[in-house]
C-alpha atoms as a PDB file:
ATOM      1  CA  MET A   1      -4.166 -40.770   9.954  1.00  0.00           C
ATOM      2  CA  HIS A   2      -1.666 -42.864  11.889  1.00  0.00           C
ATOM      3  CA  ASN A   3       0.037 -41.479  14.994  1.00  0.00           C
ATOM      4  CA  ARG A   4       3.208 -42.874  16.497  1.00  0.00           C
ATOM      5  CA  VAL A   5       4.781 -41.992  19.846  1.00  0.00           C
ATOM      6  CA  ILE A   6       8.571 -41.772  20.048  1.00  0.00           C
ATOM      7  CA  PRO A   7      10.716 -41.935  23.228  1.00  0.00           C
ATOM      8  CA  ARG A   8      10.352 -39.285  25.912  1.00  0.00           C
ATOM      9  CA  LEU A   9      12.183 -35.986  25.219  1.00  0.00           C
ATOM     10  CA  GLY A  10      12.840 -34.406  28.636  1.00  0.00           C
ATOM     11  CA  THR A  11       9.388 -34.564  30.148  1.00  0.00           C
ATOM     12  CA  ALA A  12       7.562 -34.273  26.826  1.00  0.00           C
ATOM     13  CA  LEU A  13       6.076 -36.816  24.454  1.00  0.00           C
ATOM     14  CA  VAL A  14       6.407 -36.022  20.768  1.00  0.00           C
ATOM     15  CA  ALA A  15       3.811 -37.353  18.342  1.00  0.00           C
ATOM     16  CA  ILE A  16       4.845 -37.982  14.744  1.00  0.00           C
ATOM     17  CA  VAL A  17       2.066 -37.363  12.274  1.00  0.00           C
ATOM     18  CA  MET A  18       2.352 -39.648   9.238  1.00  0.00           C
ATOM     19  CA  LEU A  19       0.780 -37.393   6.633  1.00  0.00           C
ATOM     20  CA  PRO A  20       0.121 -39.020   3.251  1.00  0.00           C
ATOM     21  CA  THR A  21       1.920 -36.243   1.319  1.00  0.00           C
ATOM     22  CA  ALA A  22       5.319 -35.665   2.895  1.00  0.00           C
ATOM     23  CA  LEU A  23       7.112 -32.495   1.903  1.00  0.00           C
ATOM     24  CA  ALA A  24      10.554 -34.122   1.818  1.00  0.00           C
ATOM     25  CA  ALA A  25      11.410 -37.640   0.686  1.00  0.00           C
ATOM     26  CA  GLY A  26      12.209 -39.711   3.774  1.00  0.00           C
ATOM     27  CA  LEU A  27      11.324 -36.959   6.254  1.00  0.00           C
ATOM     28  CA  ARG A  28       7.824 -36.590   7.621  1.00  0.00           C
ATOM     29  CA  PRO A  29       5.997 -33.621   9.138  1.00  0.00           C
ATOM     30  CA  VAL A  30       6.090 -33.506  12.930  1.00  0.00           C
ATOM     31  CA  ARG A  31       3.317 -32.439  15.316  1.00  0.00           C
ATOM     32  CA  LEU A  32       4.240 -31.227  18.805  1.00  0.00           C
ATOM     33  CA  GLY A  33       1.965 -30.474  21.685  1.00  0.00           C
ATOM     34  CA  ALA A  34       2.288 -27.382  23.827  1.00  0.00           C
ATOM     35  CA  HIS A  35       4.194 -29.285  26.514  1.00  0.00           C
ATOM     36  CA  ALA A  36       6.653 -30.693  23.952  1.00  0.00           C
ATOM     37  CA  LEU A  37       7.175 -27.257  22.412  1.00  0.00           C
ATOM     38  CA  SER A  38       8.036 -25.837  25.803  1.00  0.00           C
ATOM     39  CA  ALA A  39      10.259 -28.739  26.862  1.00  0.00           C
ATOM     40  CA  GLY A  40      12.100 -28.801  23.548  1.00  0.00           C
ATOM     41  CA  GLN A  41      12.503 -24.999  23.611  1.00  0.00           C
ATOM     42  CA  ILE A  42      11.253 -24.796  20.014  1.00  0.00           C
ATOM     43  CA  ARG A  43      11.396 -21.247  18.662  1.00  0.00           C
ATOM     44  CA  THR A  44      10.159 -19.923  15.337  1.00  0.00           C
ATOM     45  CA  THR A  45      10.548 -16.676  13.446  1.00  0.00           C
ATOM     46  CA  ALA A  46       8.739 -15.087  10.521  1.00  0.00           C
ATOM     47  CA  LEU A  47      10.681 -14.846   7.267  1.00  0.00           C
ATOM     48  CA  GLN A  48      11.241 -11.310   6.009  1.00  0.00           C
ATOM     49  CA  ARG A  49      11.381 -10.442   2.308  1.00  0.00           C
ATOM     50  CA  LEU A  50      14.562  -8.750   1.144  1.00  0.00           C
ATOM     51  CA  GLU A  51      16.653  -8.219  -1.947  1.00  0.00           C
ATOM     52  CA  SER A  52      20.141  -9.567  -2.224  1.00  0.00           C
ATOM     53  CA  ALA A  53      22.762 -10.300  -4.849  1.00  0.00           C
ATOM     54  CA  ARG A  54      25.341 -13.032  -4.743  1.00  0.00           C
ATOM     55  CA  ASP A  55      28.745 -11.770  -3.705  1.00  0.00           C
ATOM     56  CA  VAL A  56      32.192 -13.201  -4.287  1.00  0.00           C
ATOM     57  CA  THR A  57      34.872 -12.400  -1.743  1.00  0.00           C
ATOM     58  CA  ALA A  58      38.192 -11.947  -3.523  1.00  0.00           C
ATOM     59  CA  TYR A  59      41.762 -10.949  -2.742  1.00  0.00           C
ATOM     60  CA  GLY A  60      43.149  -7.672  -4.054  1.00  0.00           C
ATOM     61  CA  ILE A  61      46.609  -6.160  -4.148  1.00  0.00           C
ATOM     62  CA  VAL A  62      47.528  -2.545  -4.943  1.00  0.00           C
ATOM     63  CA  LEU A  63      50.027  -2.538  -7.794  1.00  0.00           C
ATOM     64  CA  GLY A  64      52.688   0.045  -8.452  1.00  0.00           C
ATOM     65  CA  PRO A  65      52.437   1.662 -11.908  1.00  0.00           C
ATOM     66  CA  GLU A  66      56.170   1.566 -12.641  1.00  0.00           C
ATOM     67  CA  ARG A  67      56.193  -1.728 -14.547  1.00  0.00           C
ATOM     68  CA  LEU A  68      53.244  -0.736 -16.687  1.00  0.00           C
ATOM     69  CA  VAL A  69      54.503   2.812 -17.223  1.00  0.00           C
ATOM     70  CA  THR A  70      58.027   1.594 -18.044  1.00  0.00           C
ATOM     71  CA  LEU A  71      56.739  -0.877 -20.594  1.00  0.00           C
ATOM     72  CA  VAL A  72      54.445   1.749 -22.088  1.00  0.00           C
ATOM     73  CA  SER A  73      57.411   4.123 -22.349  1.00  0.00           C
ATOM     74  CA  GLU A  74      59.351   1.446 -24.176  1.00  0.00           C
ATOM     75  CA  VAL A  75      56.437   0.972 -26.555  1.00  0.00           C
ATOM     76  CA  VAL A  76      56.236   4.728 -27.174  1.00  0.00           C
ATOM     77  CA  ALA A  77      59.997   4.903 -27.804  1.00  0.00           C
ATOM     78  CA  ALA A  78      59.862   1.910 -30.139  1.00  0.00           C
ATOM     79  CA  ARG A  79      56.994   3.543 -32.008  1.00  0.00           C
ATOM     80  CA  SER A  80      59.130   6.659 -32.500  1.00  0.00           C
ATOM     81  CA  VAL A  81      62.071   4.564 -33.701  1.00  0.00           C
ATOM     82  CA  LEU A  82      59.829   2.838 -36.203  1.00  0.00           C
ATOM     83  CA  ALA A  83      58.453   6.167 -37.445  1.00  0.00           C
ATOM     84  CA  ALA A  84      61.990   7.464 -37.975  1.00  0.00           C
ATOM     85  CA  ALA A  85      63.005   4.245 -39.717  1.00  0.00           C
ATOM     86  CA  ARG A  86      60.020   4.528 -42.042  1.00  0.00           C
ATOM     87  CA  ALA A  87      60.942   8.121 -42.883  1.00  0.00           C
ATOM     88  CA  ARG A  88      64.534   7.144 -43.647  1.00  0.00           C
ATOM     89  CA  ALA A  89      63.338   4.243 -45.779  1.00  0.00           C
ATOM     90  CA  VAL A  90      61.061   6.551 -47.765  1.00  0.00           C
ATOM     91  CA  LEU A  91      63.931   8.973 -48.365  1.00  0.00           C
ATOM     92  CA  ALA A  92      66.311   6.160 -49.327  1.00  0.00           C
ATOM     93  CA  ARG A  93      63.714   4.761 -51.736  1.00  0.00           C
ATOM     94  CA  GLU A  94      63.334   8.132 -53.437  1.00  0.00           C
ATOM     95  CA  GLU A  95      67.107   8.567 -53.724  1.00  0.00           C
ATOM     96  CA  ALA A  96      67.528   5.065 -55.112  1.00  0.00           C
ATOM     97  CA  SER A  97      64.772   5.648 -57.664  1.00  0.00           C
ATOM     98  CA  ARG A  98      66.364   8.943 -58.709  1.00  0.00           C
ATOM     99  CA  ALA A  99      69.745   7.252 -59.052  1.00  0.00           C
ATOM    100  CA  VAL A 100      68.248   4.551 -61.281  1.00  0.00           C
ATOM    101  CA  ARG A 101      66.595   7.133 -63.524  1.00  0.00           C
ATOM    102  CA  LEU A 102      69.824   9.141 -63.857  1.00  0.00           C
ATOM    103  CA  TYR A 103      71.905   6.074 -64.576  1.00  0.00           C
ATOM    104  CA  ARG A 104      69.528   4.847 -67.267  1.00  0.00           C
ATOM    105  CA  ALA A 105      69.521   8.296 -68.852  1.00  0.00           C
ATOM    106  CA  ARG A 106      73.335   8.207 -68.865  1.00  0.00           C
ATOM    107  CA  ARG A 107      73.501  11.387 -66.914  1.00  0.00           C
ATOM    108  CA  ASN A 108      76.121  12.470 -64.384  1.00  0.00           C
ATOM    109  CA  ILE A 109      76.024   9.403 -62.072  1.00  0.00           C
ATOM    110  CA  SER A 110      78.348   6.465 -61.878  1.00  0.00           C
ATOM    111  CA  GLU A 111      77.493   2.827 -61.375  1.00  0.00           C
ATOM    112  CA  ALA A 112      79.170   3.010 -57.947  1.00  0.00           C
ATOM    113  CA  ALA A 113      76.877   5.881 -56.925  1.00  0.00           C
ATOM    114  CA  LEU A 114      73.884   3.852 -58.057  1.00  0.00           C
ATOM    115  CA  GLN A 115      74.998   0.888 -55.987  1.00  0.00           C
ATOM    116  CA  ARG A 116      75.518   3.084 -52.929  1.00  0.00           C
ATOM    117  CA  ALA A 117      71.970   4.455 -53.264  1.00  0.00           C
ATOM    118  CA  GLN A 118      70.534   0.962 -53.605  1.00  0.00           C
ATOM    119  CA  SER A 119      72.578  -0.268 -50.642  1.00  0.00           C
ATOM    120  CA  ALA A 120      71.370   2.646 -48.511  1.00  0.00           C
ATOM    121  CA  LEU A 121      67.794   1.701 -49.417  1.00  0.00           C
ATOM    122  CA  ALA A 122      68.371  -1.911 -48.352  1.00  0.00           C
ATOM    123  CA  VAL A 123      69.868  -0.781 -45.023  1.00  0.00           C
ATOM    124  CA  ALA A 124      66.975   1.613 -44.383  1.00  0.00           C
ATOM    125  CA  GLN A 125      64.439  -1.097 -45.178  1.00  0.00           C
ATOM    126  CA  SER A 126      66.196  -3.547 -42.821  1.00  0.00           C
ATOM    127  CA  ALA A 127      66.179  -0.950 -40.060  1.00  0.00           C
ATOM    128  CA  GLN A 128      62.458  -0.444 -40.587  1.00  0.00           C
ATOM    129  CA  VAL A 129      61.808  -4.184 -40.361  1.00  0.00           C
ATOM    130  CA  SER A 130      63.902  -4.399 -37.189  1.00  0.00           C
ATOM    131  CA  ALA A 131      62.119  -1.448 -35.597  1.00  0.00           C
ATOM    132  CA  ALA A 132      58.727  -2.971 -36.458  1.00  0.00           C
ATOM    133  CA  ALA A 133      59.764  -6.295 -34.910  1.00  0.00           C
ATOM    134  CA  THR A 134      60.907  -4.588 -31.710  1.00  0.00           C
ATOM    135  CA  LEU A 135      57.653  -2.664 -31.449  1.00  0.00           C
ATOM    136  CA  GLY A 136      55.648  -5.833 -32.076  1.00  0.00           C
ATOM    137  CA  GLN A 137      57.530  -7.673 -29.351  1.00  0.00           C
ATOM    138  CA  LEU A 138      56.924  -4.893 -26.838  1.00  0.00           C
ATOM    139  CA  ARG A 139      53.243  -4.702 -27.760  1.00  0.00           C
ATOM    140  CA  SER A 140      52.932  -8.459 -27.257  1.00  0.00           C
ATOM    141  CA  ARG A 141      54.525  -8.171 -23.820  1.00  0.00           C
ATOM    142  CA  LEU A 142      52.177  -5.326 -22.960  1.00  0.00           C
ATOM    143  CA  LEU A 143      49.151  -7.283 -24.106  1.00  0.00           C
ATOM    144  CA  ALA A 144      50.239 -10.512 -22.398  1.00  0.00           C
ATOM    145  CA  ARG A 145      50.860  -8.839 -19.047  1.00  0.00           C
ATOM    146  CA  TRP A 146      48.287  -6.081 -18.899  1.00  0.00           C
ATOM    147  CA  GLY A 147      45.496  -7.068 -21.293  1.00  0.00           C
ATOM    148  CA  PRO A 148      43.825  -5.312 -24.235  1.00  0.00           C
ATOM    149  CA  GLU A 149      42.165  -2.452 -22.357  1.00  0.00           C
ATOM    150  CA  LEU A 150      45.325  -1.155 -20.703  1.00  0.00           C
ATOM    151  CA  SER A 151      47.227  -1.742 -23.940  1.00  0.00           C
ATOM    152  CA  ARG A 152      44.760   0.416 -25.867  1.00  0.00           C
ATOM    153  CA  SER A 153      44.916   3.175 -23.273  1.00  0.00           C
ATOM    154  CA  ALA A 154      48.711   3.062 -23.520  1.00  0.00           C
ATOM    155  CA  GLY A 155      48.537   3.491 -27.274  1.00  0.00           C
ATOM    156  CA  ALA A 156      46.246   6.511 -27.015  1.00  0.00           C
ATOM    157  CA  ALA A 157      47.721   7.992 -23.806  1.00  0.00           C
ATOM    158  CA  MET A 158      44.248   8.156 -22.267  1.00  0.00           C
ATOM    159  CA  ALA A 159      42.520   6.949 -19.102  1.00  0.00           C
ATOM    160  CA  PRO A 160      43.136   4.879 -17.117  1.00  0.00           C
ATOM    161  CA  LEU A 161      46.843   5.123 -17.961  1.00  0.00           C
ATOM    162  CA  SER A 162      46.937   8.916 -17.697  1.00  0.00           C
ATOM    163  CA  ALA A 163      45.440   8.781 -14.180  1.00  0.00           C
ATOM    164  CA  LEU A 164      47.915   6.059 -13.180  1.00  0.00           C
ATOM    165  CA  GLU A 165      50.891   8.031 -14.490  1.00  0.00           C
ATOM    166  CA  SER A 166      49.813  11.165 -12.661  1.00  0.00           C
ATOM    167  CA  GLY A 167      49.304   9.277  -9.402  1.00  0.00           C
ATOM    168  CA  LYS A 168      45.621  10.135  -9.205  1.00  0.00           C
ATOM    169  CA  ASP A 169      44.624   6.457  -9.366  1.00  0.00           C
ATOM    170  CA  VAL A 170      46.284   3.162  -8.557  1.00  0.00           C
ATOM    171  CA  LEU A 171      45.851  -0.203 -10.212  1.00  0.00           C
ATOM    172  CA  VAL A 172      44.392  -3.109  -8.235  1.00  0.00           C
ATOM    173  CA  GLU A 173      44.713  -6.738  -9.262  1.00  0.00           C
ATOM    174  CA  VAL A 174      41.770  -8.726  -7.912  1.00  0.00           C
ATOM    175  CA  SER A 175      42.035 -12.514  -7.756  1.00  0.00           C
ATOM    176  CA  VAL A 176      38.903 -14.616  -7.266  1.00  0.00           C
ATOM    177  CA  PRO A 177      38.957 -17.927  -5.354  1.00  0.00           C
ATOM    178  CA  PHE A 178      39.893 -21.097  -7.208  1.00  0.00           C
ATOM    179  CA  GLY A 179      36.957 -22.654  -9.007  1.00  0.00           C
ATOM    180  CA  ARG A 180      34.862 -19.476  -9.059  1.00  0.00           C
ATOM    181  CA  ILE A 181      34.086 -17.952 -12.442  1.00  0.00           C
ATOM    182  CA  VAL A 182      32.997 -14.324 -12.667  1.00  0.00           C
ATOM    183  CA  ARG A 183      31.170 -14.287 -15.998  1.00  0.00           C
ATOM    184  CA  ASN A 184      30.248 -10.607 -15.799  1.00  0.00           C
ATOM    185  CA  PRO A 185      32.637  -8.676 -13.560  1.00  0.00           C
ATOM    186  CA  PRO A 186      30.799  -5.813 -11.848  1.00  0.00           C
ATOM    187  CA  GLU A 187      31.673  -2.328 -13.034  1.00  0.00           C
ATOM    188  CA  VAL A 188      32.006  -1.218  -9.415  1.00  0.00           C
ATOM    189  CA  ALA A 189      33.355  -3.353  -6.567  1.00  0.00           C
ATOM    190  CA  SER A 190      33.884  -2.570  -2.910  1.00  0.00           C
ATOM    191  CA  ALA A 191      37.111  -3.152  -1.021  1.00  0.00           C
ATOM    192  CA  THR A 192      38.340  -2.815   2.537  1.00  0.00           C
ATOM    193  CA  THR A 193      41.869  -1.816   3.491  1.00  0.00           C
ATOM    194  CA  PRO A 194      43.701  -3.366   6.475  1.00  0.00           C
ATOM    195  CA  SER A 195      42.932  -0.187   8.427  1.00  0.00           C
ATOM    196  CA  GLY A 196      39.197  -0.648   7.803  1.00  0.00           C
ATOM    197  CA  ASP A 197      38.696   2.036   5.142  1.00  0.00           C
ATOM    198  CA  ASN A 198      36.091   1.251   2.497  1.00  0.00           C
ATOM    199  CA  VAL A 199      36.952   2.133  -1.100  1.00  0.00           C
ATOM    200  CA  GLN A 200      35.285   1.721  -4.477  1.00  0.00           C
ATOM    201  CA  LEU A 201      37.031  -0.029  -7.332  1.00  0.00           C
ATOM    202  CA  HIS A 202      36.197   0.545 -11.004  1.00  0.00           C
ATOM    203  CA  PHE A 203      36.566  -2.288 -13.476  1.00  0.00           C
ATOM    204  CA  ILE A 204      39.120  -2.054 -16.293  1.00  0.00           C
ATOM    205  CA  SER A 205      39.419  -5.526 -17.806  1.00  0.00           C
ATOM    206  CA  ARG A 206      40.178  -9.138 -17.140  1.00  0.00           C
ATOM    207  CA  ALA A 207      43.817  -9.861 -16.533  1.00  0.00           C
ATOM    208  CA  PRO A 208      45.349 -12.019 -19.276  1.00  0.00           C
ATOM    209  CA  ARG A 209      46.990 -14.321 -16.747  1.00  0.00           C
ATOM    210  CA  ILE A 210      46.635 -15.521 -13.167  1.00  0.00           C
ATOM    211  CA  ALA A 211      48.505 -13.650 -10.446  1.00  0.00           C
ATOM    212  CA  ALA A 212      51.552 -15.415  -9.025  1.00  0.00           C
ATOM    213  CA  GLY A 213      50.652 -17.724  -6.150  1.00  0.00           C
ATOM    214  CA  VAL A 214      46.911 -17.460  -6.817  1.00  0.00           C
ATOM    215  CA  ALA A 215      44.843 -20.199  -8.441  1.00  0.00           C
ATOM    216  CA  GLY A 216      41.786 -18.158  -9.471  1.00  0.00           C
ATOM    217  CA  GLU A 217      41.330 -15.761 -12.375  1.00  0.00           C
ATOM    218  CA  SER A 218      42.436 -12.148 -12.005  1.00  0.00           C
ATOM    219  CA  LEU A 219      40.713  -8.872 -12.813  1.00  0.00           C
ATOM    220  CA  PHE A 220      42.077  -5.351 -13.128  1.00  0.00           C
ATOM    221  CA  TYR A 221      40.394  -2.497 -11.273  1.00  0.00           C
ATOM    222  CA  VAL A 222      41.449   1.073 -10.476  1.00  0.00           C
ATOM    223  CA  MET A 223      40.781   3.073  -7.357  1.00  0.00           C
ATOM    224  CA  PRO A 224      41.638   6.585  -6.160  1.00  0.00           C
ATOM    225  CA  THR A 225      45.020   6.841  -4.466  1.00  0.00           C
ATOM    226  CA  ARG A 226      44.656   6.646  -0.689  1.00  0.00           C
ATOM    227  CA  VAL A 227      47.141   7.107   2.130  1.00  0.00           C
ATOM    228  CA  SER A 228      45.742   3.978   3.806  1.00  0.00           C
ATOM    229  CA  ALA A 229      46.426   1.848   0.725  1.00  0.00           C
ATOM    230  CA  PRO A 230      49.988   2.356  -0.539  1.00  0.00           C
ATOM    231  CA  ILE A 231      51.546   0.091  -3.146  1.00  0.00           C
ATOM    232  CA  GLY A 232      51.543  -3.523  -2.003  1.00  0.00           C
ATOM    233  CA  THR A 233      48.542  -3.162   0.315  1.00  0.00           C
ATOM    234  CA  PRO A 234      46.286  -6.261   0.407  1.00  0.00           C
ATOM    235  CA  LEU A 235      42.566  -5.611   0.054  1.00  0.00           C
ATOM    236  CA  ALA A 236      39.468  -7.610   0.887  1.00  0.00           C
ATOM    237  CA  VAL A 237      37.313  -7.190  -2.227  1.00  0.00           C
ATOM    238  CA  THR A 238      33.614  -7.938  -2.606  1.00  0.00           C
ATOM    239  CA  LEU A 239      32.337  -8.586  -6.118  1.00  0.00           C
ATOM    240  CA  ASN A 240      28.583  -8.398  -6.614  1.00  0.00           C
ATOM    241  CA  THR A 241      28.153 -10.906  -9.424  1.00  0.00           C
ATOM    242  CA  SER A 242      24.405 -11.142  -9.938  1.00  0.00           C
ATOM    243  CA  ALA A 243      21.356  -8.960 -10.311  1.00  0.00           C
ATOM    244  CA  PRO A 244      19.420  -8.426  -7.061  1.00  0.00           C
ATOM    245  CA  ALA A 245      16.904 -11.179  -6.377  1.00  0.00           C
ATOM    246  CA  THR A 246      13.932 -11.230  -4.025  1.00  0.00           C
ATOM    247  CA  GLY A 247      13.979 -13.848  -1.316  1.00  0.00           C
ATOM    248  CA  VAL A 248      14.276 -14.550   2.388  1.00  0.00           C
ATOM    249  CA  ARG A 249      17.194 -14.966   4.767  1.00  0.00           C
ATOM    250  CA  VAL A 250      17.330 -18.233   6.666  1.00  0.00           C
ATOM    251  CA  PRO A 251      19.490 -18.363   9.836  1.00  0.00           C
ATOM    252  CA  ARG A 252      22.133 -21.090  10.031  1.00  0.00           C
ATOM    253  CA  SER A 253      20.468 -22.491  13.150  1.00  0.00           C
ATOM    254  CA  ALA A 254      17.336 -23.255  11.105  1.00  0.00           C
ATOM    255  CA  VAL A 255      19.043 -25.463   8.526  1.00  0.00           C
ATOM    256  CA  VAL A 256      19.571 -29.230   8.842  1.00  0.00           C
ATOM    257  CA  TRP A 257      21.363 -31.679   6.582  1.00  0.00           C
ATOM    258  CA  TYR A 258      19.633 -34.753   5.201  1.00  0.00           C
ATOM    259  CA  HIS A 259      21.473 -36.966   2.700  1.00  0.00           C
ATOM    260  CA  GLY A 260      23.454 -34.028   1.307  1.00  0.00           C
ATOM    261  CA  ASP A 261      20.460 -31.687   0.989  1.00  0.00           C
ATOM    262  CA  LEU A 262      19.518 -28.755   3.186  1.00  0.00           C
ATOM    263  CA  PHE A 263      16.109 -28.449   4.851  1.00  0.00           C
ATOM    264  CA  VAL A 264      14.274 -26.159   7.218  1.00  0.00           C
ATOM    265  CA  PHE A 265      11.139 -26.890   9.253  1.00  0.00           C
ATOM    266  CA  ARG A 266       8.224 -24.646   8.357  1.00  0.00           C
ATOM    267  CA  GLU A 267       5.339 -24.199  10.799  1.00  0.00           C
ATOM    268  CA  ASN A 268       2.293 -25.015   8.684  1.00  0.00           C
ATOM    269  CA  ALA A 269      -0.080 -24.780  11.662  1.00  0.00           C
ATOM    270  CA  PRO A 270       0.357 -24.333  15.416  1.00  0.00           C
ATOM    271  CA  GLY A 271       2.549 -27.231  16.506  1.00  0.00           C
ATOM    272  CA  LEU A 272       2.757 -28.782  12.996  1.00  0.00           C
ATOM    273  CA  PHE A 273       6.194 -28.559  11.343  1.00  0.00           C
ATOM    274  CA  ALA A 274       6.955 -29.730   7.817  1.00  0.00           C
ATOM    275  CA  PRO A 275      10.475 -30.244   6.377  1.00  0.00           C
ATOM    276  CA  VAL A 276      11.061 -27.996   3.374  1.00  0.00           C
ATOM    277  CA  PRO A 277      14.121 -28.247   1.099  1.00  0.00           C
ATOM    278  CA  ILE A 278      16.014 -25.099   0.117  1.00  0.00           C
ATOM    279  CA  ARG A 279      17.845 -24.730  -3.200  1.00  0.00           C
ATOM    280  CA  GLY A 280      19.803 -22.095  -5.051  1.00  0.00           C
ATOM    281  CA  PHE A 281      20.826 -20.440  -1.782  1.00  0.00           C
ATOM    282  CA  PHE A 282      24.055 -18.611  -0.986  1.00  0.00           C
ATOM    283  CA  PRO A 283      25.675 -17.405   2.258  1.00  0.00           C
ATOM    284  CA  SER A 284      24.418 -14.073   3.546  1.00  0.00           C
ATOM    285  CA  ASP A 285      24.842 -12.306   6.905  1.00  0.00           C
ATOM    286  CA  GLY A 286      25.479 -15.387   9.029  1.00  0.00           C
ATOM    287  CA  GLY A 287      22.818 -17.422   7.275  1.00  0.00           C
ATOM    288  CA  TYR A 288      21.570 -18.176   3.785  1.00  0.00           C
ATOM    289  CA  PHE A 289      19.714 -16.103   1.231  1.00  0.00           C
ATOM    290  CA  VAL A 290      17.001 -18.263  -0.339  1.00  0.00           C
ATOM    291  CA  PRO A 291      15.419 -16.774  -3.475  1.00  0.00           C
ATOM    292  CA  GLU A 292      11.661 -16.849  -3.850  1.00  0.00           C
ATOM    293  CA  ASN A 293      11.108 -18.903  -6.982  1.00  0.00           C
ATOM    294  CA  ARG A 294       9.581 -22.142  -8.205  1.00  0.00           C
ATOM    295  CA  GLU A 295      12.420 -24.200  -6.783  1.00  0.00           C
ATOM    296  CA  ASN A 296      11.866 -22.938  -3.246  1.00  0.00           C
ATOM    297  CA  PRO A 297       8.460 -23.152  -1.538  1.00  0.00           C
ATOM    298  CA  LEU A 298       9.515 -20.783   1.267  1.00  0.00           C
ATOM    299  CA  ARG A 299       7.843 -17.377   1.193  1.00  0.00           C
ATOM    300  CA  SER A 300       8.104 -14.245   3.278  1.00  0.00           C
ATOM    301  CA  GLY A 301       5.721 -14.154   6.224  1.00  0.00           C
ATOM    302  CA  GLU A 302       5.955 -17.900   6.821  1.00  0.00           C
ATOM    303  CA  ARG A 303       7.407 -19.100  10.104  1.00  0.00           C
ATOM    304  CA  ILE A 304      10.336 -21.466  10.352  1.00  0.00           C
ATOM    305  CA  VAL A 305      12.045 -23.127  13.298  1.00  0.00           C
ATOM    306  CA  VAL A 306      15.221 -21.306  14.322  1.00  0.00           C
ATOM    307  CA  ARG A 307      15.805 -23.155  17.577  1.00  0.00           C
ATOM    308  CA  GLY A 308      15.284 -26.870  18.038  1.00  0.00           C
ATOM    309  CA  ALA A 309      15.595 -27.863  14.363  1.00  0.00           C
ATOM    310  CA  ALA A 310      17.829 -30.822  15.289  1.00  0.00           C
ATOM    311  CA  LEU A 311      15.148 -32.077  17.684  1.00  0.00           C
ATOM    312  CA  LEU A 312      12.505 -31.940  14.962  1.00  0.00           C
ATOM    313  CA  TYR A 313      14.909 -33.628  12.567  1.00  0.00           C
ATOM    314  CA  SER A 314      15.392 -36.534  15.002  1.00  0.00           C
ATOM    315  CA  ALA A 315      11.657 -36.879  15.378  1.00  0.00           C
ATOM    316  CA  ALA A 316      11.032 -36.715  11.629  1.00  0.00           C
ATOM    317  CA  ALA A 317      13.816 -39.198  10.858  1.00  0.00           C
ATOM    318  CA  GLN A 318      12.375 -41.755  13.340  1.00  0.00           C
ATOM    319  CA  SER A 319       9.234 -41.872  11.234  1.00  0.00           C
ATOM    320  CA  SER A 320      11.281 -42.586   8.091  1.00  0.00           C
ATOM    321  CA  PRO A 321      12.259 -46.050   6.829  1.00  0.00           C
ATOM    322  CA  PRO A 322      15.258 -47.411   8.813  1.00  0.00           C
ATOM    323  CA  SER A 323      17.542 -47.313   5.749  1.00  0.00           C
ATOM    324  CA  THR A 324      17.130 -43.568   5.326  1.00  0.00           C
ATOM    325  CA  ALA A 325      17.466 -42.408   8.929  1.00  0.00           C
ATOM    326  CA  GLU A 326      20.714 -40.660   9.882  1.00  0.00           C
ATOM    327  CA  PRO A 327      21.907 -38.714  12.950  1.00  0.00           C
ATOM    328  CA  ALA A 328      20.533 -35.238  13.431  1.00  0.00           C
ATOM    329  CA  ARG A 329      22.975 -32.549  12.308  1.00  0.00           C
ATOM    330  CA  THR A 330      22.345 -28.855  11.828  1.00  0.00           C
ATOM    331  CA  VAL A 331      24.403 -26.528   9.642  1.00  0.00           C
ATOM    332  CA  ALA A 332      25.374 -24.582  12.761  1.00  0.00           C
ATOM    333  CA  ASP A 333      26.624 -27.809  14.388  1.00  0.00           C
ATOM    334  CA  ALA A 334      28.625 -28.694  11.269  1.00  0.00           C
ATOM    335  CA  GLY A 335      30.230 -25.265  11.144  1.00  0.00           C
ATOM    336  CA  HIS A 336      29.107 -24.562   7.550  1.00  0.00           C
END
């Protein structure tokens, strides 16, 4: 084993242990004596096992129901107009057929009466076609603006539309950040009003288009009507987008950057610290949640450096080839 002494740190000398099997390419494990540990103010903590799920913070806005309700009312009215037009067309068809039979049998009907019956049928059929086109246009608008789920509830006059019309619930449009894709929107999301009230949102459907002024996809949720969240209220929404995973939480102060990757220093033995990469992590409670899996060698109960990681990084980098060494920089220093 080859030992190398690096420049004096405070009043301490730090020895770099060149182990044959380094845990991180370009970074080597570091051994510190008791005096160096004290002078460098190196602190460690034991990792605790916990369960966590990846959250997406999104922007929500409470929508008024008037546009949806008005459009639904127009659809309902157009449906009634179409039904009446169909009834008139059926009656006109029967009268025209009767007129044809009478005329062919040379009974008491003139050619002019026959033509009037046939003309009335043509007018009734045109009115039916027009009413169907109007209804189709309104349904397309409803689908394009509010999506299939709300459109279906409008057609059947059932929830969630009934609760929106009565004022029991309000509609919330949730927009996720640009570049984030929510493959499986959670059935229940949590939201916070500007006054600090916490509310639960219940998923309806994906929105068929992006909200104005927002670059990410939109989702429709409903929530109970609250005094603290009138129409137009912005909400901070948290979407839990993954199943809970078992892992450990790593403080920001423990993480260092090295060539675009994130590392922590694990205490393998008293005074011996090895750089360990972390992968598949996500922000959590002022740090990072690191799942326990094959990609990550960190396990609960192990101790990692939470103070002095930059010092260990500098020591480890000095033992690396000159082309790979770079200035020490922790995640906390970088503001990530």
